[in-house]
Amino acid sequence: MSARPEVAGVPAPPAARPDTPCVAVCSTTFDEVCRGCGRTVAEVANWVVMDADQKEVVWQRILAQGYPRRNT
């Protein structure tokens, strides 16, 4: 079975996601959450050492919150 893109607001399966939610719109100026990807400062800093399950938890939360956002 091949990975499918997002359909009708249903998030794509993890295999179809980019390696990181970063969209190069980085800003944590006024709070601890990046306005581009929705991750906390700690999640951004620790992303490279997180395992797949930890990353999936973050992905699920940020997708539910409407992130990542390319135009903020």
Protein backbone atom coordinates (compact mmCIF):
# COMPACT_ATOMS: atom_id res chain seq x y z
CA MET A 1 0.00 0.00 0.00
CA SER A 2 1.41 3.41 -0.92
CA ALA A 3 1.23 6.49 1.29
CA ARG A 4 -1.53 8.94 0.44
CA PRO A 5 -1.58 12.70 0.86
CA GLU A 6 -4.00 14.46 3.21
CA VAL A 7 -7.59 13.97 2.06
CA ALA A 8 -10.58 16.05 3.23
CA GLY A 9 -8.83 17.28 6.38
CA VAL A 10 -7.69 13.83 7.49
CA PRO A 11 -3.97 13.93 8.32
CA ALA A 12 -1.66 11.87 6.14
CA PRO A 13 -0.25 8.75 7.75
CA PRO A 14 3.14 9.12 9.48
CA ALA A 15 5.02 7.52 6.55
CA ALA A 16 3.86 10.36 4.27
CA ARG A 17 4.96 13.13 6.64
CA PRO A 18 8.17 15.13 6.33
CA ASP A 19 10.99 14.30 8.74
CA THR A 20 10.19 17.42 10.74
CA PRO A 21 7.21 19.77 11.10
CA CYS A 22 9.51 22.78 10.63
CA VAL A 23 8.32 25.15 7.89
CA ALA A 24 11.12 27.73 8.35
CA VAL A 25 8.73 30.24 9.92
CA CYS A 26 10.42 30.15 13.30
CA SER A 27 9.17 32.45 16.02
CA THR A 28 8.89 31.98 19.75
CA THR A 29 9.17 35.68 20.53
CA PHE A 30 6.09 36.04 22.73
CA ASP A 31 5.61 32.51 24.08
CA GLU A 32 7.11 29.04 24.21
CA VAL A 33 5.38 27.76 21.04
CA CYS A 34 6.72 28.25 17.53
CA ARG A 35 4.23 30.10 15.34
CA GLY A 36 5.31 28.10 12.28
CA CYS A 37 5.35 24.48 13.39
CA GLY A 38 3.50 24.57 16.72
CA ARG A 39 6.19 22.79 18.69
CA THR A 40 7.41 24.01 22.05
CA VAL A 41 10.97 25.28 22.41
CA ALA A 42 11.87 22.02 24.19
CA GLU A 43 10.31 19.90 21.42
CA VAL A 44 12.28 21.77 18.76
CA ALA A 45 15.51 21.40 20.74
CA ASN A 46 14.98 17.69 21.41
CA TRP A 47 13.48 16.66 18.04
CA VAL A 48 16.67 14.98 16.81
CA VAL A 49 16.85 12.69 19.85
CA MET A 50 13.13 11.85 20.07
CA ASP A 51 12.07 8.36 19.02
CA ALA A 52 9.29 7.76 16.49
CA ASP A 53 6.61 7.36 19.17
CA GLN A 54 7.54 10.64 20.85
CA LYS A 55 7.52 12.45 17.50
CA GLU A 56 4.12 10.96 16.66
CA VAL A 57 2.65 12.38 19.88
CA VAL A 58 3.93 15.83 18.90
CA TRP A 59 2.67 15.43 15.30
CA GLN A 60 -0.81 14.46 16.49
CA ARG A 61 -1.02 17.48 18.82
CA ILE A 62 0.24 20.05 16.33
CA LEU A 63 -1.96 18.73 13.51
CA ALA A 64 -5.00 18.90 15.81
CA GLN A 65 -4.07 22.51 16.61
CA GLY A 66 -3.83 23.49 12.95
CA TYR A 67 -0.06 23.42 12.55
CA PRO A 68 2.27 23.51 10.74
CA ARG A 69 1.44 26.92 9.28
CA ARG A 70 3.36 28.31 6.34
CA ASN A 71 1.76 31.78 6.33
CA THR A 72 1.58 33.21 9.84
